[in-house]
Amino acid sequence: MFRSDFHPVAAPARALHVPAVGAAALSLIAVVALSVFTLLSPPPAKAHEEGPGRLHHGDLTIINAWVRATPPGAKVAGGYLTVRNDGDQPDRLIGGAAEFAGRVEIHEMTMEGEVMKMAPLADGLEIPAGGAVALKPGGLHVMFMGLRRALKEGETAEATLIFERAGRVELPFAVAPMGAKSHGHGHGEMNHES
């Protein structure tokens, strides 16, 4: 039994009876609370299309999201896009999810001497207020890891990107040919729309 000995403004002492609750009951309560929270949480926002290859969500505009086709058995794929922030506060791309991948991370490739290294950005990628960040082959990119299926040229692969301020944004990634250097332009031409 818990007894309260705190007496604000000389209030009479009252006994507080708390029933004993086992660990299993507490676990069940936690699962129910999490389920209710999940059901009441808004679904990821579907960015609305502003034109070919342009999606808008809040202060962000996402331009030309694409990924390369993968051979059967591939375990990873890189996703590329440009994110423009028209707001007055920075945002941060912190992760994502995709039905076709077990994990989605934000990565950076850098040259260290003559060796190219790739590493996840532990704190995500800042999208500056009034600025834009391009994720492109050989640099910053969305890393789809643990692929569950091959990505086929010409299809659309749906994914969700998670931003610190803008939240969850569902968007299509166009699947370009294997070895493509940019979206919609084959091997090597740059798409200058951004």
Protein backbone atom coordinates (compact mmCIF):
# COMPACT_ATOMS: atom_id res chain seq x y z
CA MET A 1 0.00 0.00 0.00
CA PHE A 2 1.22 3.51 -0.84
CA ARG A 3 0.61 6.21 1.75
CA SER A 4 0.79 9.87 0.98
CA ASP A 5 2.39 11.95 3.73
CA PHE A 6 2.29 15.17 1.72
CA HIS A 7 -0.16 17.63 3.28
CA PRO A 8 -0.70 20.69 1.10
CA VAL A 9 -2.50 23.45 2.98
CA ALA A 10 -3.17 21.15 5.91
CA ALA A 11 -5.33 18.75 3.91
CA PRO A 12 -6.19 15.56 5.76
CA ALA A 13 -4.04 12.55 4.89
CA ARG A 14 -5.68 9.98 2.60
CA ALA A 15 -4.55 6.49 1.79
CA LEU A 16 -4.05 5.73 -1.89
CA HIS A 17 -4.63 2.12 -2.83
CA VAL A 18 -2.74 0.93 -5.92
CA PRO A 19 -3.50 -2.61 -7.06
CA ALA A 20 -0.50 -4.83 -7.71
CA VAL A 21 0.13 -5.09 -11.47
CA GLY A 22 2.36 -7.80 -12.90
CA ALA A 23 4.93 -7.40 -15.66
CA ALA A 24 2.65 -9.16 -18.18
CA ALA A 25 -0.16 -6.70 -17.47
CA LEU A 26 2.22 -3.74 -17.85
CA SER A 27 3.44 -5.15 -21.18
CA LEU A 28 -0.15 -5.53 -22.37
CA ILE A 29 -0.92 -1.94 -21.33
CA ALA A 30 2.16 -0.71 -23.25
CA VAL A 31 1.15 -2.66 -26.39
CA VAL A 32 -2.40 -1.31 -26.23
CA ALA A 33 -1.15 2.27 -25.72
CA LEU A 34 1.27 1.96 -28.65
CA SER A 35 -1.48 0.49 -30.85
CA VAL A 36 -3.85 3.33 -30.01
CA PHE A 37 -1.10 5.90 -30.68
CA THR A 38 -0.33 4.25 -34.05
CA LEU A 39 -4.00 4.17 -35.05
CA LEU A 40 -4.51 7.81 -34.08
CA SER A 41 -1.30 9.06 -35.73
CA PRO A 42 -1.85 10.65 -39.11
CA PRO A 43 -0.74 8.55 -42.06
CA PRO A 44 2.31 9.65 -44.03
CA ALA A 45 1.45 12.66 -46.14
CA LYS A 46 1.25 12.05 -49.86
CA ALA A 47 3.15 14.84 -51.52
CA HIS A 48 1.10 16.46 -54.25
CA GLU A 49 2.45 16.69 -57.76
CA GLU A 50 3.32 20.14 -59.11
CA GLY A 51 4.31 18.91 -62.55
CA PRO A 52 6.45 16.18 -64.08
CA GLY A 53 9.00 15.06 -61.48
CA ARG A 54 8.01 17.69 -58.89
CA LEU A 55 6.24 16.93 -55.62
CA HIS A 56 5.36 19.48 -52.98
CA HIS A 57 4.91 18.88 -49.24
CA GLY A 58 4.73 21.82 -46.84
CA ASP A 59 7.81 23.99 -47.39
CA LEU A 60 9.60 21.25 -49.32
CA THR A 61 9.66 20.53 -53.04
CA ILE A 62 11.09 17.18 -54.10
CA ILE A 63 12.38 17.10 -57.64
CA ASN A 64 13.10 14.07 -59.86
CA ALA A 65 13.21 11.20 -57.35
CA TRP A 66 14.77 8.19 -59.09
CA VAL A 67 16.63 4.96 -58.46
CA ARG A 68 18.60 2.69 -60.78
CA ALA A 69 17.23 -0.69 -61.84
CA THR A 70 18.93 -3.58 -60.03
CA PRO A 71 19.87 -7.09 -61.14
CA PRO A 72 18.16 -10.04 -59.42
CA GLY A 73 19.76 -10.75 -56.06
CA ALA A 74 21.10 -7.21 -55.52
CA LYS A 75 20.97 -6.19 -51.86
CA VAL A 76 21.25 -2.39 -52.19
CA ALA A 77 20.15 0.48 -54.42
CA GLY A 78 20.83 4.21 -54.36
CA GLY A 79 18.04 6.77 -54.59
CA TYR A 80 18.58 10.27 -55.94
CA LEU A 81 16.57 13.51 -55.87
CA THR A 82 16.76 17.20 -55.15
CA VAL A 83 15.04 18.65 -52.08
CA ARG A 84 14.27 22.37 -52.08
CA ASN A 85 13.23 24.09 -48.83
CA ASP A 86 11.22 27.28 -49.41
CA GLY A 87 10.62 27.72 -45.67
CA ASP A 88 12.34 30.05 -43.23
CA GLN A 89 13.65 27.21 -41.05
CA PRO A 90 15.99 24.36 -41.96
CA ASP A 91 14.67 20.82 -42.13
CA ARG A 92 16.56 17.55 -41.94
CA LEU A 93 16.15 14.33 -43.94
CA ILE A 94 16.61 11.68 -41.25
CA GLY A 95 15.55 8.40 -42.85
CA GLY A 96 12.82 6.56 -44.65
CA ALA A 97 11.00 3.34 -45.36
CA ALA A 98 10.12 1.31 -48.45
CA GLU A 99 8.20 -1.90 -49.01
CA PHE A 100 10.95 -3.11 -51.35
CA ALA A 101 13.80 -2.57 -48.81
CA GLY A 102 14.46 -3.67 -45.26
CA ARG A 103 16.16 -0.40 -44.30
CA VAL A 104 16.46 3.12 -45.68
CA GLU A 105 19.36 5.38 -44.68
CA ILE A 106 20.88 8.65 -45.87
CA HIS A 107 24.47 8.14 -47.07
CA GLU A 108 27.37 10.18 -48.36
CA MET A 109 30.18 9.10 -50.67
CA THR A 110 33.53 10.86 -50.32
CA MET A 111 37.00 10.42 -51.79
CA GLU A 112 39.78 9.68 -49.34
CA GLY A 113 42.92 9.82 -51.43
CA GLU A 114 42.16 7.45 -54.30
CA VAL A 115 39.57 5.47 -52.35
CA MET A 116 35.85 6.22 -52.50
CA LYS A 117 34.16 5.69 -49.13
CA MET A 118 30.48 5.51 -48.31
CA ALA A 119 29.01 6.10 -44.87
CA PRO A 120 25.61 6.83 -43.33
CA LEU A 121 24.94 10.35 -42.07
CA ALA A 122 24.21 9.66 -38.40
CA ASP A 123 22.47 13.01 -37.90
CA GLY A 124 20.68 13.00 -41.25
CA LEU A 125 21.01 15.59 -43.99
CA GLU A 126 20.22 19.25 -43.38
CA ILE A 127 18.06 20.99 -45.97
CA PRO A 128 18.82 24.69 -45.38
CA ALA A 129 16.05 27.29 -45.20
CA GLY A 130 15.69 28.91 -48.62
CA GLY A 131 18.12 26.39 -50.13
CA ALA A 132 18.28 23.07 -51.93
CA VAL A 133 20.31 19.89 -51.64
CA ALA A 134 20.94 17.52 -54.56
CA LEU A 135 21.35 13.80 -53.88
CA LYS A 136 23.11 12.33 -56.91
CA PRO A 137 25.37 9.45 -57.95
CA GLY A 138 28.84 9.68 -56.40
CA GLY A 139 27.70 11.92 -53.53
CA LEU A 140 24.76 12.17 -51.17
CA HIS A 141 22.04 9.57 -51.71
CA VAL A 142 19.20 7.60 -50.17
CA MET A 143 20.46 4.07 -49.53
CA PHE A 144 17.86 1.31 -49.89
CA MET A 145 19.33 -1.70 -48.06
CA GLY A 146 18.22 -5.31 -47.81
CA LEU A 147 16.31 -5.23 -51.09
CA ARG A 148 13.36 -7.61 -51.07
CA ARG A 149 13.04 -7.66 -54.86
CA ALA A 150 14.77 -6.42 -57.98
CA LEU A 151 13.85 -2.94 -59.19
CA LYS A 152 12.85 -3.05 -62.85
CA GLU A 153 13.49 -0.28 -65.38
CA GLY A 154 10.35 1.70 -66.16
CA GLU A 155 8.48 0.88 -62.96
CA THR A 156 7.82 3.18 -60.02
CA ALA A 157 9.10 2.23 -56.56
CA GLU A 158 7.11 3.83 -53.74
CA ALA A 159 9.04 4.98 -50.68
CA THR A 160 8.55 7.22 -47.67
CA LEU A 161 11.14 9.81 -46.70
CA ILE A 162 11.18 11.07 -43.12
CA PHE A 163 12.01 14.71 -42.40
CA GLU A 164 12.52 16.19 -38.95
CA ARG A 165 10.03 19.05 -39.49
CA ALA A 166 7.95 18.05 -42.53
CA GLY A 167 7.40 14.51 -41.24
CA ARG A 168 6.75 11.47 -43.41
CA VAL A 169 6.41 12.04 -47.15
CA GLU A 170 5.36 9.28 -49.54
CA LEU A 171 6.73 9.64 -53.04
CA PRO A 172 7.41 7.60 -56.15
CA PHE A 173 10.97 6.87 -57.27
CA ALA A 174 11.12 6.35 -61.05
CA VAL A 175 13.29 3.32 -61.87
CA ALA A 176 15.93 4.32 -64.46
CA PRO A 177 18.16 1.92 -66.45
CA MET A 178 21.08 0.19 -64.70
CA GLY A 179 24.10 2.50 -64.82
CA ALA A 180 22.03 5.67 -65.44
CA LYS A 181 23.74 8.89 -64.36
CA SER A 182 20.51 10.91 -64.07
CA HIS A 183 16.76 10.46 -64.19
CA GLY A 184 15.21 10.18 -67.63
CA HIS A 185 18.33 10.93 -69.62
CA GLY A 186 20.07 7.59 -70.06
CA HIS A 187 23.78 7.23 -69.40
CA GLY A 188 25.55 10.46 -68.66
CA GLU A 189 23.40 13.46 -69.53
CA MET A 190 22.39 15.69 -66.65
CA ASN A 191 18.86 16.82 -66.03
CA HIS A 192 19.21 20.51 -65.21
CA GLU A 193 15.69 20.92 -63.82
CA SER A 194 16.10 22.02 -60.21
